[in-house]
């Protein structure tokens, strides 16, 4: 009986991690839509390679600031770069 309880308890832990990752991806997608759509459609991660994304995001941030749009926080920039790199070509 104790073994069954331990096995059942272990089964649920993976789904919480998946839910957290899904929430993080949804949050990052919201950042892309909210901030990138001010000038253009949100980018497809496949537009650039993993190595190119940090420079592209930095360049877009400079364009945002030049256009007097609110800056992304460092955390938001890091999340966006990580998301785009994870799904890059």
C-alpha atoms as a PDB file:
ATOM      1  CA  UNK A   1       0.000   0.000   0.000  1.00  0.00           C
ATOM      2  CA  UNK A   2       2.799   2.403   0.917  1.00  0.00           C
ATOM      3  CA  UNK A   3       4.558   1.599  -2.340  1.00  0.00           C
ATOM      4  CA  UNK A   4       1.404   2.368  -4.325  1.00  0.00           C
ATOM      5  CA  UNK A   5       1.046   5.752  -2.621  1.00  0.00           C
ATOM      6  CA  UNK A   6       4.668   6.604  -3.386  1.00  0.00           C
ATOM      7  CA  UNK A   7       4.234   5.636  -7.045  1.00  0.00           C
ATOM      8  CA  UNK A   8       1.019   7.631  -7.403  1.00  0.00           C
ATOM      9  CA  UNK A   9       2.575  10.671  -5.744  1.00  0.00           C
ATOM     10  CA  UNK A  10       5.533  10.490  -8.119  1.00  0.00           C
ATOM     11  CA  UNK A  11       3.322  10.373 -11.189  1.00  0.00           C
ATOM     12  CA  UNK A  12       1.874  13.820 -10.649  1.00  0.00           C
ATOM     13  CA  UNK A  13       5.153  15.676 -10.217  1.00  0.00           C
ATOM     14  CA  UNK A  14       6.063  15.665 -13.922  1.00  0.00           C
ATOM     15  CA  UNK A  15       2.846  17.355 -14.974  1.00  0.00           C
ATOM     16  CA  UNK A  16       3.462  20.305 -12.669  1.00  0.00           C
ATOM     17  CA  UNK A  17       6.828  20.859 -14.345  1.00  0.00           C
ATOM     18  CA  UNK A  18       5.183  20.656 -17.764  1.00  0.00           C
ATOM     19  CA  UNK A  19       2.498  23.116 -16.642  1.00  0.00           C
ATOM     20  CA  UNK A  20       5.161  25.528 -15.376  1.00  0.00           C
ATOM     21  CA  UNK A  21       7.076  25.284 -18.655  1.00  0.00           C
ATOM     22  CA  UNK A  22       3.881  25.793 -20.638  1.00  0.00           C
ATOM     23  CA  UNK A  23       3.037  28.852 -18.541  1.00  0.00           C
ATOM     24  CA  UNK A  24       6.526  30.273 -19.087  1.00  0.00           C
ATOM     25  CA  UNK A  25       6.210  29.743 -22.847  1.00  0.00           C
ATOM     26  CA  UNK A  26       2.765  31.344 -22.862  1.00  0.00           C
ATOM     27  CA  UNK A  27       4.106  34.290 -20.876  1.00  0.00           C
ATOM     28  CA  UNK A  28       7.004  34.705 -23.302  1.00  0.00           C
ATOM     29  CA  UNK A  29       4.637  34.480 -26.254  1.00  0.00           C
ATOM     30  CA  UNK A  30       2.574  37.251 -24.634  1.00  0.00           C
ATOM     31  CA  UNK A  31       5.720  39.391 -24.360  1.00  0.00           C
ATOM     32  CA  UNK A  32       6.473  38.790 -28.047  1.00  0.00           C
ATOM     33  CA  UNK A  33       2.948  39.691 -29.091  1.00  0.00           C
ATOM     34  CA  UNK A  34       2.704  42.737 -26.823  1.00  0.00           C
ATOM     35  CA  UNK A  35       6.108  44.258 -27.509  1.00  0.00           C
ATOM     36  CA  UNK A  36       7.041  43.108 -31.016  1.00  0.00           C
ATOM     37  CA  UNK A  37       3.616  43.830 -32.487  1.00  0.00           C
ATOM     38  CA  UNK A  38       4.103  47.533 -31.855  1.00  0.00           C
ATOM     39  CA  UNK A  39       6.157  47.606 -35.083  1.00  0.00           C
ATOM     40  CA  UNK A  40       5.673  44.265 -36.863  1.00  0.00           C
ATOM     41  CA  UNK A  41       4.219  40.784 -36.495  1.00  0.00           C
ATOM     42  CA  UNK A  42       5.764  38.658 -33.763  1.00  0.00           C
ATOM     43  CA  UNK A  43       8.760  36.865 -35.253  1.00  0.00           C
ATOM     44  CA  UNK A  44       8.911  33.193 -35.997  1.00  0.00           C
ATOM     45  CA  UNK A  45      11.783  31.612 -34.051  1.00  0.00           C
ATOM     46  CA  UNK A  46      12.746  29.883 -37.315  1.00  0.00           C
ATOM     47  CA  UNK A  47      13.752  33.235 -38.885  1.00  0.00           C
ATOM     48  CA  UNK A  48      17.183  33.127 -37.257  1.00  0.00           C
ATOM     49  CA  UNK A  49      19.624  30.650 -35.800  1.00  0.00           C
ATOM     50  CA  UNK A  50      20.167  30.175 -32.089  1.00  0.00           C
ATOM     51  CA  UNK A  51      23.376  32.229 -32.296  1.00  0.00           C
ATOM     52  CA  UNK A  52      21.710  35.111 -34.169  1.00  0.00           C
ATOM     53  CA  UNK A  53      18.792  35.717 -31.790  1.00  0.00           C
ATOM     54  CA  UNK A  54      20.656  37.629 -29.040  1.00  0.00           C
ATOM     55  CA  UNK A  55      21.879  40.206 -31.583  1.00  0.00           C
ATOM     56  CA  UNK A  56      18.475  40.455 -33.239  1.00  0.00           C
ATOM     57  CA  UNK A  57      16.689  41.031 -29.923  1.00  0.00           C
ATOM     58  CA  UNK A  58      19.297  43.650 -28.908  1.00  0.00           C
ATOM     59  CA  UNK A  59      18.853  45.419 -32.259  1.00  0.00           C
ATOM     60  CA  UNK A  60      15.058  45.388 -31.909  1.00  0.00           C
ATOM     61  CA  UNK A  61      15.371  46.775 -28.381  1.00  0.00           C
ATOM     62  CA  UNK A  62      17.406  49.704 -29.747  1.00  0.00           C
ATOM     63  CA  UNK A  63      14.663  50.313 -32.337  1.00  0.00           C
ATOM     64  CA  UNK A  64      12.065  50.298 -29.539  1.00  0.00           C
ATOM     65  CA  UNK A  65      14.024  52.879 -27.584  1.00  0.00           C
ATOM     66  CA  UNK A  66      14.618  55.025 -30.692  1.00  0.00           C
ATOM     67  CA  UNK A  67      10.863  54.964 -31.268  1.00  0.00           C
ATOM     68  CA  UNK A  68      10.279  56.006 -27.662  1.00  0.00           C
ATOM     69  CA  UNK A  69       8.545  52.738 -26.836  1.00  0.00           C
ATOM     70  CA  UNK A  70       8.913  51.259 -23.338  1.00  0.00           C
ATOM     71  CA  UNK A  71      11.978  49.080 -22.887  1.00  0.00           C
ATOM     72  CA  UNK A  72      11.781  45.407 -22.084  1.00  0.00           C
ATOM     73  CA  UNK A  73      13.273  44.537 -18.731  1.00  0.00           C
ATOM     74  CA  UNK A  74      16.488  42.537 -18.717  1.00  0.00           C
ATOM     75  CA  UNK A  75      14.482  39.537 -17.502  1.00  0.00           C
ATOM     76  CA  UNK A  76      11.976  39.922 -20.355  1.00  0.00           C
ATOM     77  CA  UNK A  77      14.792  40.186 -22.900  1.00  0.00           C
ATOM     78  CA  UNK A  78      16.449  37.075 -21.458  1.00  0.00           C
ATOM     79  CA  UNK A  79      13.152  35.153 -21.575  1.00  0.00           C
ATOM     80  CA  UNK A  80      12.498  36.209 -25.165  1.00  0.00           C
ATOM     81  CA  UNK A  81      16.001  35.249 -26.297  1.00  0.00           C
ATOM     82  CA  UNK A  82      15.785  31.889 -24.502  1.00  0.00           C
ATOM     83  CA  UNK A  83      12.388  31.158 -26.060  1.00  0.00           C
ATOM     84  CA  UNK A  84      13.519  32.132 -29.557  1.00  0.00           C
ATOM     85  CA  UNK A  85      16.747  30.135 -29.216  1.00  0.00           C
ATOM     86  CA  UNK A  86      14.882  27.068 -27.987  1.00  0.00           C
ATOM     87  CA  UNK A  87      12.702  27.110 -31.091  1.00  0.00           C
ATOM     88  CA  UNK A  88      15.272  28.442 -33.609  1.00  0.00           C
ATOM     89  CA  UNK A  89      16.147  26.813 -36.911  1.00  0.00           C
END
